Amino acid sequence: MWNPFDFSNKRFIVTGATSGIGKATAIRLSEQGAEVCILGRNENKLQDTLRHLSGDGHRCYKKDFSECGGYKEIFDDIVKDGHKIDGIVYCAGIAKILPVSMLNKTNMDESMTVNLYSFAEMSGLLSKKKYHNHASIVGVSSISVRYPQKCQGIYVATKSAMNTLVTAMSIELAEKNIRINTVMPSSVNTKMLEEALENKTDDQIQEAVARQLLGLEEPEDIADIILFLLSDASRMITGREIYADGGYVNFWN
């Protein structure tokens, strides 16, 4: 029986794999038989994720995504055994909540580098035949692109840019047998959400979660959608922004 979610003999790169959606995705992939190469900037947390992965052959690479470059060396090491890369899941990201009066080139550059430039660089690198035969790329965007909140200007700008980049790149990448999409979660039970809500009252937190018809999302909920986009079950989907927001339509309340 055909099982599109059997990732045996598949190899994937997952960035931001030290926590949240990235960690959950790496674990889910390993449970489905994939070999996972995890990237993150915290060595101890990378090792913790590695210990949670099922199966063998997984690898970790320490990488600070606020620093451009260095990806070719990682890709070369990953494929040195002749086994190419079947996909990338880009979960690395930062969510700076800044009033417009505090925006400056330094903090905008950091957000753009982590949320966009590194994603673009890795996607471009994967397009080389040296690294893939056919592949799927998934970038984690945000529903905030559609419904921005106060002081989210730079964060929303970077995620909007990711979505637009994916639409444009999908045209080129289709010729190279690569699909590329984004997912747009809403409030997910992660450390990033905890930090975003740390100055909110209990009533404000409840109000934010109540906007999602299906309630607060868990990292595994988004990971499952990502696995669908990596699988052959989604072979006719590319260049799209996939709403993964728990039904975030109750936003006028």
C-alpha atoms as a PDB file:
ATOM      1  CA  MET A   1       0.000   0.000   0.000  1.00  0.00           C
ATOM      2  CA  TRP A   2       1.300   3.445  -0.978  1.00  0.00           C
ATOM      3  CA  ASN A   3       2.156   5.613   1.999  1.00  0.00           C
ATOM      4  CA  PRO A   4       3.117   9.180   1.018  1.00  0.00           C
ATOM      5  CA  PHE A   5       4.306   9.835   4.556  1.00  0.00           C
ATOM      6  CA  ASP A   6       6.902   7.089   4.554  1.00  0.00           C
ATOM      7  CA  PHE A   7      10.138   9.061   4.427  1.00  0.00           C
ATOM      8  CA  SER A   8      12.478   6.065   4.587  1.00  0.00           C
ATOM      9  CA  ASN A   9      15.693   6.707   2.657  1.00  0.00           C
ATOM     10  CA  LYS A  10      14.882  10.429   2.519  1.00  0.00           C
ATOM     11  CA  ARG A  11      17.193  13.130   3.843  1.00  0.00           C
ATOM     12  CA  PHE A  12      15.971  16.508   5.063  1.00  0.00           C
ATOM     13  CA  ILE A  13      17.500  19.658   6.512  1.00  0.00           C
ATOM     14  CA  VAL A  14      15.571  21.328   9.341  1.00  0.00           C
ATOM     15  CA  THR A  15      16.688  24.754  10.556  1.00  0.00           C
ATOM     16  CA  GLY A  16      15.739  26.241  13.895  1.00  0.00           C
ATOM     17  CA  ALA A  17      15.589  22.672  15.182  1.00  0.00           C
ATOM     18  CA  THR A  18      16.510  23.513  18.761  1.00  0.00           C
ATOM     19  CA  SER A  19      12.935  24.239  19.846  1.00  0.00           C
ATOM     20  CA  GLY A  20       9.333  24.785  18.822  1.00  0.00           C
ATOM     21  CA  ILE A  21       8.162  23.952  15.314  1.00  0.00           C
ATOM     22  CA  GLY A  22      11.653  23.084  14.093  1.00  0.00           C
ATOM     23  CA  LYS A  23      12.266  20.549  16.832  1.00  0.00           C
ATOM     24  CA  ALA A  24       8.799  19.028  16.430  1.00  0.00           C
ATOM     25  CA  THR A  25       9.293  18.725  12.668  1.00  0.00           C
ATOM     26  CA  ALA A  26      12.669  17.046  13.032  1.00  0.00           C
ATOM     27  CA  ILE A  27      11.197  14.522  15.466  1.00  0.00           C
ATOM     28  CA  ARG A  28       8.166  13.850  13.233  1.00  0.00           C
ATOM     29  CA  LEU A  29      10.390  13.276  10.198  1.00  0.00           C
ATOM     30  CA  SER A  30      12.604  10.870  12.088  1.00  0.00           C
ATOM     31  CA  GLU A  31       9.544   8.951  13.281  1.00  0.00           C
ATOM     32  CA  GLN A  32       8.563   8.484   9.638  1.00  0.00           C
ATOM     33  CA  GLY A  33      11.955   7.040   8.726  1.00  0.00           C
ATOM     34  CA  ALA A  34      13.772  10.121   7.445  1.00  0.00           C
ATOM     35  CA  GLU A  35      17.391  11.004   8.075  1.00  0.00           C
ATOM     36  CA  VAL A  36      17.405  14.513   9.520  1.00  0.00           C
ATOM     37  CA  CYS A  37      20.176  17.097   9.449  1.00  0.00           C
ATOM     38  CA  ILE A  38      19.355  19.694  12.079  1.00  0.00           C
ATOM     39  CA  LEU A  39      20.722  23.234  12.189  1.00  0.00           C
ATOM     40  CA  GLY A  40      20.638  25.718  15.045  1.00  0.00           C
ATOM     41  CA  ARG A  41      22.862  28.087  16.963  1.00  0.00           C
ATOM     42  CA  ASN A  42      22.760  26.432  20.400  1.00  0.00           C
ATOM     43  CA  GLU A  43      24.928  23.320  20.580  1.00  0.00           C
ATOM     44  CA  ASN A  44      23.368  21.979  23.790  1.00  0.00           C
ATOM     45  CA  LYS A  45      19.841  22.309  22.430  1.00  0.00           C
ATOM     46  CA  LEU A  46      20.880  20.698  19.152  1.00  0.00           C
ATOM     47  CA  GLN A  47      22.191  17.719  21.061  1.00  0.00           C
ATOM     48  CA  ASP A  48      18.939  17.534  23.011  1.00  0.00           C
ATOM     49  CA  THR A  49      16.925  17.431  19.782  1.00  0.00           C
ATOM     50  CA  LEU A  50      19.294  14.813  18.406  1.00  0.00           C
ATOM     51  CA  ARG A  51      18.600  12.591  21.423  1.00  0.00           C
ATOM     52  CA  HIS A  52      14.859  12.783  20.718  1.00  0.00           C
ATOM     53  CA  LEU A  53      15.145  11.632  17.095  1.00  0.00           C
ATOM     54  CA  SER A  54      14.130   8.096  16.140  1.00  0.00           C
ATOM     55  CA  GLY A  55      16.417   5.925  14.037  1.00  0.00           C
ATOM     56  CA  ASP A  56      20.008   6.473  13.000  1.00  0.00           C
ATOM     57  CA  GLY A  57      22.124   8.600  10.691  1.00  0.00           C
ATOM     58  CA  HIS A  58      20.991  12.004  11.930  1.00  0.00           C
ATOM     59  CA  ARG A  59      23.438  14.888  12.085  1.00  0.00           C
ATOM     60  CA  CYS A  60      23.586  18.339  13.627  1.00  0.00           C
ATOM     61  CA  TYR A  61      25.333  21.520  12.548  1.00  0.00           C
ATOM     62  CA  LYS A  62      25.796  24.617  14.655  1.00  0.00           C
ATOM     63  CA  LYS A  63      24.779  27.688  12.634  1.00  0.00           C
ATOM     64  CA  ASP A  64      23.873  31.255  13.523  1.00  0.00           C
ATOM     65  CA  PHE A  65      21.341  32.357  10.908  1.00  0.00           C
ATOM     66  CA  SER A  66      22.042  36.028  11.557  1.00  0.00           C
ATOM     67  CA  GLU A  67      25.352  35.444   9.760  1.00  0.00           C
ATOM     68  CA  CYS A  68      25.139  34.980   6.000  1.00  0.00           C
ATOM     69  CA  GLY A  69      27.269  32.360   4.292  1.00  0.00           C
ATOM     70  CA  GLY A  70      28.662  29.041   5.465  1.00  0.00           C
ATOM     71  CA  TYR A  71      25.839  26.996   3.979  1.00  0.00           C
ATOM     72  CA  LYS A  72      27.832  25.508   1.109  1.00  0.00           C
ATOM     73  CA  GLU A  73      30.222  23.846   3.525  1.00  0.00           C
ATOM     74  CA  ILE A  74      27.285  22.330   5.426  1.00  0.00           C
ATOM     75  CA  PHE A  75      25.588  21.125   2.235  1.00  0.00           C
ATOM     76  CA  ASP A  76      28.841  19.625   0.954  1.00  0.00           C
ATOM     77  CA  ASP A  77      29.280  17.691   4.183  1.00  0.00           C
ATOM     78  CA  ILE A  78      25.686  16.451   4.092  1.00  0.00           C
ATOM     79  CA  VAL A  79      25.977  14.994   0.568  1.00  0.00           C
ATOM     80  CA  LYS A  80      29.565  13.744   0.763  1.00  0.00           C
ATOM     81  CA  ASP A  81      28.318  10.133   0.953  1.00  0.00           C
ATOM     82  CA  GLY A  82      26.494  10.549  -2.372  1.00  0.00           C
ATOM     83  CA  HIS A  83      23.030  10.685  -0.807  1.00  0.00           C
ATOM     84  CA  LYS A  84      21.401  13.949  -1.900  1.00  0.00           C
ATOM     85  CA  ILE A  85      18.969  16.219  -0.043  1.00  0.00           C
ATOM     86  CA  ASP A  86      15.221  15.661  -0.391  1.00  0.00           C
ATOM     87  CA  GLY A  87      14.084  18.889   1.178  1.00  0.00           C
ATOM     88  CA  ILE A  88      14.572  21.833   3.516  1.00  0.00           C
ATOM     89  CA  VAL A  89      12.313  23.016   6.314  1.00  0.00           C
ATOM     90  CA  TYR A  90      13.212  26.565   7.292  1.00  0.00           C
ATOM     91  CA  CYS A  91      11.944  27.180  10.832  1.00  0.00           C
ATOM     92  CA  ALA A  92      14.669  29.552  11.997  1.00  0.00           C
ATOM     93  CA  GLY A  93      13.280  32.966  12.779  1.00  0.00           C
ATOM     94  CA  ILE A  94      13.140  35.927  15.112  1.00  0.00           C
ATOM     95  CA  ALA A  95      10.101  38.024  15.956  1.00  0.00           C
ATOM     96  CA  LYS A  96      11.210  41.494  16.980  1.00  0.00           C
ATOM     97  CA  ILE A  97       8.302  43.464  18.459  1.00  0.00           C
ATOM     98  CA  LEU A  98       9.403  47.063  18.045  1.00  0.00           C
ATOM     99  CA  PRO A  99       7.580  50.388  17.823  1.00  0.00           C
ATOM    100  CA  VAL A 100       8.243  52.329  14.640  1.00  0.00           C
ATOM    101  CA  SER A 101      10.349  54.846  16.588  1.00  0.00           C
ATOM    102  CA  MET A 102      12.886  52.104  17.404  1.00  0.00           C
ATOM    103  CA  LEU A 103      13.342  50.731  13.892  1.00  0.00           C
ATOM    104  CA  ASN A 104      16.856  51.146  12.584  1.00  0.00           C
ATOM    105  CA  LYS A 105      19.094  49.476  10.018  1.00  0.00           C
ATOM    106  CA  THR A 106      20.828  47.278  12.581  1.00  0.00           C
ATOM    107  CA  ASN A 107      17.760  45.526  13.969  1.00  0.00           C
ATOM    108  CA  MET A 108      16.052  45.468  10.562  1.00  0.00           C
ATOM    109  CA  ASP A 109      19.107  43.855   8.969  1.00  0.00           C
ATOM    110  CA  GLU A 110      19.198  41.168  11.660  1.00  0.00           C
ATOM    111  CA  SER A 111      15.537  40.302  11.099  1.00  0.00           C
ATOM    112  CA  MET A 112      15.924  40.250   7.329  1.00  0.00           C
ATOM    113  CA  THR A 113      19.026  38.077   7.504  1.00  0.00           C
ATOM    114  CA  VAL A 114      17.481  35.470   9.793  1.00  0.00           C
ATOM    115  CA  ASN A 115      13.952  35.448   8.370  1.00  0.00           C
ATOM    116  CA  LEU A 116      14.682  35.958   4.670  1.00  0.00           C
ATOM    117  CA  TYR A 117      18.261  36.139   3.406  1.00  0.00           C
ATOM    118  CA  SER A 118      19.405  32.829   4.913  1.00  0.00           C
ATOM    119  CA  PHE A 119      16.240  31.118   3.667  1.00  0.00           C
ATOM    120  CA  ALA A 120      16.860  32.470   0.156  1.00  0.00           C
ATOM    121  CA  GLU A 121      20.498  31.431   0.214  1.00  0.00           C
ATOM    122  CA  MET A 122      19.722  27.877   1.286  1.00  0.00           C
ATOM    123  CA  SER A 123      16.947  27.543  -1.291  1.00  0.00           C
ATOM    124  CA  GLY A 124      19.243  28.755  -4.057  1.00  0.00           C
ATOM    125  CA  LEU A 125      21.963  26.377  -2.982  1.00  0.00           C
ATOM    126  CA  LEU A 126      19.624  23.387  -2.974  1.00  0.00           C
ATOM    127  CA  SER A 127      18.664  24.168  -6.576  1.00  0.00           C
ATOM    128  CA  LYS A 128      22.078  22.969  -7.740  1.00  0.00           C
ATOM    129  CA  LYS A 129      21.952  19.416  -9.104  1.00  0.00           C
ATOM    130  CA  LYS A 130      24.897  18.538  -6.898  1.00  0.00           C
ATOM    131  CA  TYR A 131      22.570  18.645  -3.895  1.00  0.00           C
ATOM    132  CA  HIS A 132      19.241  17.242  -5.091  1.00  0.00           C
ATOM    133  CA  ASN A 133      17.404  15.086  -7.599  1.00  0.00           C
ATOM    134  CA  HIS A 134      13.959  16.363  -6.670  1.00  0.00           C
ATOM    135  CA  ALA A 135      13.024  18.156  -3.475  1.00  0.00           C
ATOM    136  CA  SER A 136      10.505  20.174  -1.513  1.00  0.00           C
ATOM    137  CA  ILE A 137      11.203  23.342   0.472  1.00  0.00           C
ATOM    138  CA  VAL A 138       8.942  24.660   3.227  1.00  0.00           C
ATOM    139  CA  GLY A 139       9.406  28.041   4.894  1.00  0.00           C
ATOM    140  CA  VAL A 140       7.601  28.939   8.111  1.00  0.00           C
ATOM    141  CA  SER A 141       5.902  32.311   7.690  1.00  0.00           C
ATOM    142  CA  SER A 142       3.109  33.746   9.874  1.00  0.00           C
ATOM    143  CA  ILE A 143      -0.596  34.583   9.765  1.00  0.00           C
ATOM    144  CA  SER A 144       0.500  38.019  11.015  1.00  0.00           C
ATOM    145  CA  VAL A 145       1.217  38.775   7.360  1.00  0.00           C
ATOM    146  CA  ARG A 146      -2.558  38.954   6.904  1.00  0.00           C
ATOM    147  CA  TYR A 147      -3.510  40.333  10.335  1.00  0.00           C
ATOM    148  CA  PRO A 148      -0.580  42.348  11.727  1.00  0.00           C
ATOM    149  CA  GLN A 149      -0.629  43.602  15.282  1.00  0.00           C
ATOM    150  CA  LYS A 150       0.863  46.711  16.840  1.00  0.00           C
ATOM    151  CA  CYS A 151       4.677  46.927  16.705  1.00  0.00           C
ATOM    152  CA  GLN A 152       5.021  43.926  14.378  1.00  0.00           C
ATOM    153  CA  GLY A 153       6.165  46.018  11.411  1.00  0.00           C
ATOM    154  CA  ILE A 154       9.620  44.534  10.777  1.00  0.00           C
ATOM    155  CA  TYR A 155       8.505  40.989  11.605  1.00  0.00           C
ATOM    156  CA  VAL A 156       5.571  41.163   9.204  1.00  0.00           C
ATOM    157  CA  ALA A 157       7.769  42.758   6.533  1.00  0.00           C
ATOM    158  CA  THR A 158      10.223  39.858   6.632  1.00  0.00           C
ATOM    159  CA  LYS A 159       7.496  37.187   6.553  1.00  0.00           C
ATOM    160  CA  SER A 160       5.661  38.962   3.723  1.00  0.00           C
ATOM    161  CA  ALA A 161       8.941  39.036   1.828  1.00  0.00           C
ATOM    162  CA  MET A 162       9.366  35.288   2.388  1.00  0.00           C
ATOM    163  CA  ASN A 163       5.911  34.601   0.951  1.00  0.00           C
ATOM    164  CA  THR A 164       6.529  36.778  -2.104  1.00  0.00           C
ATOM    165  CA  LEU A 165       9.980  35.287  -2.640  1.00  0.00           C
ATOM    166  CA  VAL A 166       8.506  31.782  -2.582  1.00  0.00           C
ATOM    167  CA  THR A 167       5.909  32.685  -5.212  1.00  0.00           C
ATOM    168  CA  ALA A 168       8.594  34.031  -7.528  1.00  0.00           C
ATOM    169  CA  MET A 169      11.143  31.272  -6.890  1.00  0.00           C
ATOM    170  CA  SER A 170       8.571  28.538  -7.492  1.00  0.00           C
ATOM    171  CA  ILE A 171       8.630  29.386 -11.216  1.00  0.00           C
ATOM    172  CA  GLU A 172      12.369  28.773 -11.492  1.00  0.00           C
ATOM    173  CA  LEU A 173      12.490  25.868  -9.083  1.00  0.00           C
ATOM    174  CA  ALA A 174       9.724  23.939 -10.855  1.00  0.00           C
ATOM    175  CA  GLU A 175      12.114  23.645 -13.799  1.00  0.00           C
ATOM    176  CA  LYS A 176      14.613  22.062 -11.431  1.00  0.00           C
ATOM    177  CA  ASN A 177      12.088  19.586  -9.981  1.00  0.00           C
ATOM    178  CA  ILE A 178      11.776  21.440  -6.677  1.00  0.00           C
ATOM    179  CA  ARG A 179       8.534  22.555  -5.028  1.00  0.00           C
ATOM    180  CA  ILE A 180       8.503  25.418  -2.547  1.00  0.00           C
ATOM    181  CA  ASN A 181       5.769  26.677  -0.209  1.00  0.00           C
ATOM    182  CA  THR A 182       5.253  28.490   3.078  1.00  0.00           C
ATOM    183  CA  VAL A 183       3.030  27.690   6.032  1.00  0.00           C
ATOM    184  CA  MET A 184       1.438  30.484   8.056  1.00  0.00           C
ATOM    185  CA  PRO A 185       0.779  29.522  11.686  1.00  0.00           C
ATOM    186  CA  SER A 186      -0.958  31.749  14.200  1.00  0.00           C
ATOM    187  CA  SER A 187      -0.405  31.420  17.964  1.00  0.00           C
ATOM    188  CA  VAL A 188       1.646  28.278  18.564  1.00  0.00           C
ATOM    189  CA  ASN A 189       2.626  27.055  22.010  1.00  0.00           C
ATOM    190  CA  THR A 190       6.326  27.869  21.711  1.00  0.00           C
ATOM    191  CA  LYS A 191       8.950  29.917  23.544  1.00  0.00           C
ATOM    192  CA  MET A 192       8.573  32.614  20.889  1.00  0.00           C
ATOM    193  CA  LEU A 193       4.886  32.986  21.758  1.00  0.00           C
ATOM    194  CA  GLU A 194       5.698  33.004  25.464  1.00  0.00           C
ATOM    195  CA  GLU A 195       8.125  35.879  24.912  1.00  0.00           C
ATOM    196  CA  ALA A 196       5.601  37.748  22.751  1.00  0.00           C
ATOM    197  CA  LEU A 197       2.942  37.500  25.474  1.00  0.00           C
ATOM    198  CA  GLU A 198       5.144  38.116  28.521  1.00  0.00           C
ATOM    199  CA  ASN A 199       3.858  41.676  28.995  1.00  0.00           C
ATOM    200  CA  LYS A 200       0.212  40.805  28.302  1.00  0.00           C
ATOM    201  CA  THR A 201      -2.499  40.353  30.920  1.00  0.00           C
ATOM    202  CA  ASP A 202      -4.332  37.043  31.293  1.00  0.00           C
ATOM    203  CA  ASP A 203      -7.392  38.588  29.642  1.00  0.00           C
ATOM    204  CA  GLN A 204      -5.338  39.780  26.676  1.00  0.00           C
ATOM    205  CA  ILE A 205      -3.793  36.323  26.265  1.00  0.00           C
ATOM    206  CA  GLN A 206      -7.200  34.669  26.381  1.00  0.00           C
ATOM    207  CA  GLU A 207      -8.511  37.155  23.844  1.00  0.00           C
ATOM    208  CA  ALA A 208      -5.628  36.391  21.474  1.00  0.00           C
ATOM    209  CA  VAL A 209      -6.111  32.623  21.691  1.00  0.00           C
ATOM    210  CA  ALA A 210      -9.906  32.955  21.335  1.00  0.00           C
ATOM    211  CA  ARG A 211      -9.390  34.365  17.843  1.00  0.00           C
ATOM    212  CA  GLN A 212      -8.381  30.865  16.729  1.00  0.00           C
ATOM    213  CA  LEU A 213     -11.482  28.734  16.296  1.00  0.00           C
ATOM    214  CA  LEU A 214      -9.551  25.541  16.978  1.00  0.00           C
ATOM    215  CA  GLY A 215      -7.626  26.925  19.931  1.00  0.00           C
ATOM    216  CA  LEU A 216      -3.939  27.271  20.672  1.00  0.00           C
ATOM    217  CA  GLU A 217      -1.778  25.315  18.243  1.00  0.00           C
ATOM    218  CA  GLU A 218       0.977  22.937  19.295  1.00  0.00           C
ATOM    219  CA  PRO A 219       4.283  22.686  17.369  1.00  0.00           C
ATOM    220  CA  GLU A 220       3.325  19.154  16.295  1.00  0.00           C
ATOM    221  CA  ASP A 221       0.195  20.497  14.571  1.00  0.00           C
ATOM    222  CA  ILE A 222       2.345  22.632  12.278  1.00  0.00           C
ATOM    223  CA  ALA A 223       4.909  19.853  11.857  1.00  0.00           C
ATOM    224  CA  ASP A 224       2.202  17.566  10.467  1.00  0.00           C
ATOM    225  CA  ILE A 225       1.251  20.166   7.849  1.00  0.00           C
ATOM    226  CA  ILE A 226       4.915  20.576   6.942  1.00  0.00           C
ATOM    227  CA  LEU A 227       5.272  16.820   6.455  1.00  0.00           C
ATOM    228  CA  PHE A 228       2.322  16.918   4.065  1.00  0.00           C
ATOM    229  CA  LEU A 229       4.079  19.614   2.017  1.00  0.00           C
ATOM    230  CA  LEU A 230       7.283  17.558   1.964  1.00  0.00           C
ATOM    231  CA  SER A 231       5.426  14.440   0.847  1.00  0.00           C
ATOM    232  CA  ASP A 232       4.346  13.311  -2.611  1.00  0.00           C
ATOM    233  CA  ALA A 233       0.745  13.756  -1.444  1.00  0.00           C
ATOM    234  CA  SER A 234       1.255  17.486  -2.128  1.00  0.00           C
ATOM    235  CA  ARG A 235       3.095  17.036  -5.426  1.00  0.00           C
ATOM    236  CA  MET A 236       0.749  19.502  -7.188  1.00  0.00           C
ATOM    237  CA  ILE A 237       1.252  22.306  -4.657  1.00  0.00           C
ATOM    238  CA  THR A 238       3.991  24.888  -5.152  1.00  0.00           C
ATOM    239  CA  GLY A 239       4.426  28.627  -4.788  1.00  0.00           C
ATOM    240  CA  ARG A 240       1.641  28.762  -2.202  1.00  0.00           C
ATOM    241  CA  GLU A 241       1.030  30.218   1.246  1.00  0.00           C
ATOM    242  CA  ILE A 242      -0.694  27.521   3.304  1.00  0.00           C
ATOM    243  CA  TYR A 243      -2.892  28.796   6.132  1.00  0.00           C
ATOM    244  CA  ALA A 244      -2.023  26.766   9.238  1.00  0.00           C
ATOM    245  CA  ASP A 245      -3.647  29.083  11.735  1.00  0.00           C
ATOM    246  CA  GLY A 246      -6.208  27.109  13.716  1.00  0.00           C
ATOM    247  CA  GLY A 247      -9.051  28.970  12.000  1.00  0.00           C
ATOM    248  CA  TYR A 248      -7.903  32.507  12.712  1.00  0.00           C
ATOM    249  CA  VAL A 249     -11.055  34.142  11.426  1.00  0.00           C
ATOM    250  CA  ASN A 250     -12.571  35.354  14.691  1.00  0.00           C
ATOM    251  CA  PHE A 251     -10.278  38.369  14.702  1.00  0.00           C
ATOM    252  CA  TRP A 252     -12.954  41.056  14.972  1.00  0.00           C
ATOM    253  CA  ASN A 253     -13.996  39.995  18.492  1.00  0.00           C
END
